[in-house]
Amino acid sequence: MNIIRKSWHLFRILLDFRKGRERVATPPIRMWIESSARCNLRCQMCPNKDMPADAKGNMSLELFQKILDQAAPF
């Protein structure tokens, strides 16, 4: 994807976000999958920082595969 198309793509995503849309018109450029909640840091932005230690674990392989299958068209 060239720089102009990539910039336009990101701009459209930003517009959808600013408008409060739940669904964006364009698919994301990248996707990160957090497959583990086993972190002992307490970063302010992390939703896992307040989880009890016994609730932290790894994502199942089946769920990981399901996410990849759903994201494959993009």
C-alpha atoms as a PDB file:
ATOM      1  CA  MET A   1       0.000   0.000   0.000  1.00  0.00           C
ATOM      2  CA  ASN A   2       1.601   3.286  -1.006  1.00  0.00           C
ATOM      3  CA  ILE A   3       1.946   6.164   1.446  1.00  0.00           C
ATOM      4  CA  ILE A   4      -0.927   8.234   0.020  1.00  0.00           C
ATOM      5  CA  ARG A   5      -3.398   5.344   0.090  1.00  0.00           C
ATOM      6  CA  LYS A   6      -2.246   4.345   3.567  1.00  0.00           C
ATOM      7  CA  SER A   7      -2.627   7.918   4.849  1.00  0.00           C
ATOM      8  CA  TRP A   8      -6.103   8.211   3.325  1.00  0.00           C
ATOM      9  CA  HIS A   9      -7.058   4.871   4.860  1.00  0.00           C
ATOM     10  CA  LEU A  10      -5.910   5.973   8.322  1.00  0.00           C
ATOM     11  CA  PHE A  11      -7.696   9.308   7.921  1.00  0.00           C
ATOM     12  CA  ARG A  12     -10.988   7.552   7.143  1.00  0.00           C
ATOM     13  CA  ILE A  13     -10.590   5.345  10.216  1.00  0.00           C
ATOM     14  CA  LEU A  14      -9.905   8.441  12.331  1.00  0.00           C
ATOM     15  CA  LEU A  15     -13.036  10.147  10.975  1.00  0.00           C
ATOM     16  CA  ASP A  16     -15.180   7.133  11.819  1.00  0.00           C
ATOM     17  CA  PHE A  17     -13.678   7.070  15.317  1.00  0.00           C
ATOM     18  CA  ARG A  18     -14.293  10.802  15.834  1.00  0.00           C
ATOM     19  CA  LYS A  19     -17.902  10.376  14.728  1.00  0.00           C
ATOM     20  CA  GLY A  20     -18.340   7.640  17.350  1.00  0.00           C
ATOM     21  CA  ARG A  21     -19.201   4.929  14.866  1.00  0.00           C
ATOM     22  CA  GLU A  22     -19.120   1.394  16.154  1.00  0.00           C
ATOM     23  CA  ARG A  23     -18.206   0.080  12.728  1.00  0.00           C
ATOM     24  CA  VAL A  24     -15.634   1.687  10.514  1.00  0.00           C
ATOM     25  CA  ALA A  25     -15.948   1.911   6.739  1.00  0.00           C
ATOM     26  CA  THR A  26     -12.495   0.504   6.122  1.00  0.00           C
ATOM     27  CA  PRO A  27     -10.851  -2.534   7.697  1.00  0.00           C
ATOM     28  CA  PRO A  28      -7.825  -2.013   9.946  1.00  0.00           C
ATOM     29  CA  ILE A  29      -4.344  -2.012   8.442  1.00  0.00           C
ATOM     30  CA  ARG A  30      -2.892  -4.165  11.219  1.00  0.00           C
ATOM     31  CA  MET A  31      -4.256  -6.398  13.905  1.00  0.00           C
ATOM     32  CA  TRP A  32      -2.604  -7.354  17.183  1.00  0.00           C
ATOM     33  CA  ILE A  33      -3.844 -10.356  19.109  1.00  0.00           C
ATOM     34  CA  GLU A  34      -2.994 -10.510  22.780  1.00  0.00           C
ATOM     35  CA  SER A  35      -2.851 -14.243  23.305  1.00  0.00           C
ATOM     36  CA  SER A  36      -1.839 -14.080  26.956  1.00  0.00           C
ATOM     37  CA  ALA A  37      -2.860 -12.117  30.037  1.00  0.00           C
ATOM     38  CA  ARG A  38       0.153 -13.378  31.987  1.00  0.00           C
ATOM     39  CA  CYS A  39       1.930 -10.085  32.542  1.00  0.00           C
ATOM     40  CA  ASN A  40       3.102  -8.905  35.937  1.00  0.00           C
ATOM     41  CA  LEU A  41       3.363  -5.226  34.941  1.00  0.00           C
ATOM     42  CA  ARG A  42       0.662  -2.734  35.917  1.00  0.00           C
ATOM     43  CA  CYS A  43       0.567  -0.372  32.944  1.00  0.00           C
ATOM     44  CA  GLN A  44      -2.117   2.314  33.307  1.00  0.00           C
ATOM     45  CA  MET A  45      -3.702   1.624  29.920  1.00  0.00           C
ATOM     46  CA  CYS A  46      -3.849  -2.155  30.284  1.00  0.00           C
ATOM     47  CA  PRO A  47      -7.233  -3.733  31.026  1.00  0.00           C
ATOM     48  CA  ASN A  48      -5.499  -6.751  32.599  1.00  0.00           C
ATOM     49  CA  LYS A  49      -3.718  -4.843  35.371  1.00  0.00           C
ATOM     50  CA  ASP A  50      -6.600  -5.306  37.812  1.00  0.00           C
ATOM     51  CA  MET A  51      -7.232  -8.974  37.063  1.00  0.00           C
ATOM     52  CA  PRO A  52      -6.533 -11.397  39.888  1.00  0.00           C
ATOM     53  CA  ALA A  53      -3.470 -13.570  39.255  1.00  0.00           C
ATOM     54  CA  ASP A  54      -5.521 -16.776  39.094  1.00  0.00           C
ATOM     55  CA  ALA A  55      -7.695 -15.321  36.304  1.00  0.00           C
ATOM     56  CA  LYS A  56      -4.718 -14.593  34.063  1.00  0.00           C
ATOM     57  CA  GLY A  57      -3.887 -17.189  31.457  1.00  0.00           C
ATOM     58  CA  ASN A  58      -3.328 -17.971  27.821  1.00  0.00           C
ATOM     59  CA  MET A  59      -5.872 -17.820  25.029  1.00  0.00           C
ATOM     60  CA  SER A  60      -7.028 -21.207  23.829  1.00  0.00           C
ATOM     61  CA  LEU A  61      -5.769 -22.361  20.454  1.00  0.00           C
ATOM     62  CA  GLU A  62      -9.375 -22.749  19.277  1.00  0.00           C
ATOM     63  CA  LEU A  63     -10.196 -19.093  20.044  1.00  0.00           C
ATOM     64  CA  PHE A  64      -6.962 -17.925  18.417  1.00  0.00           C
ATOM     65  CA  GLN A  65      -7.795 -19.909  15.262  1.00  0.00           C
ATOM     66  CA  LYS A  66     -11.350 -18.501  15.245  1.00  0.00           C
ATOM     67  CA  ILE A  67     -10.005 -14.933  15.369  1.00  0.00           C
ATOM     68  CA  LEU A  68      -7.603 -15.646  12.507  1.00  0.00           C
ATOM     69  CA  ASP A  69     -10.374 -17.242  10.435  1.00  0.00           C
ATOM     70  CA  GLN A  70     -12.656 -14.237  10.945  1.00  0.00           C
ATOM     71  CA  ALA A  71      -9.888 -11.767  10.083  1.00  0.00           C
ATOM     72  CA  ALA A  72      -8.636 -13.666   7.019  1.00  0.00           C
ATOM     73  CA  PRO A  73     -10.789 -11.758   4.487  1.00  0.00           C
ATOM     74  CA  PHE A  74      -9.161  -8.493   5.542  1.00  0.00           C
END
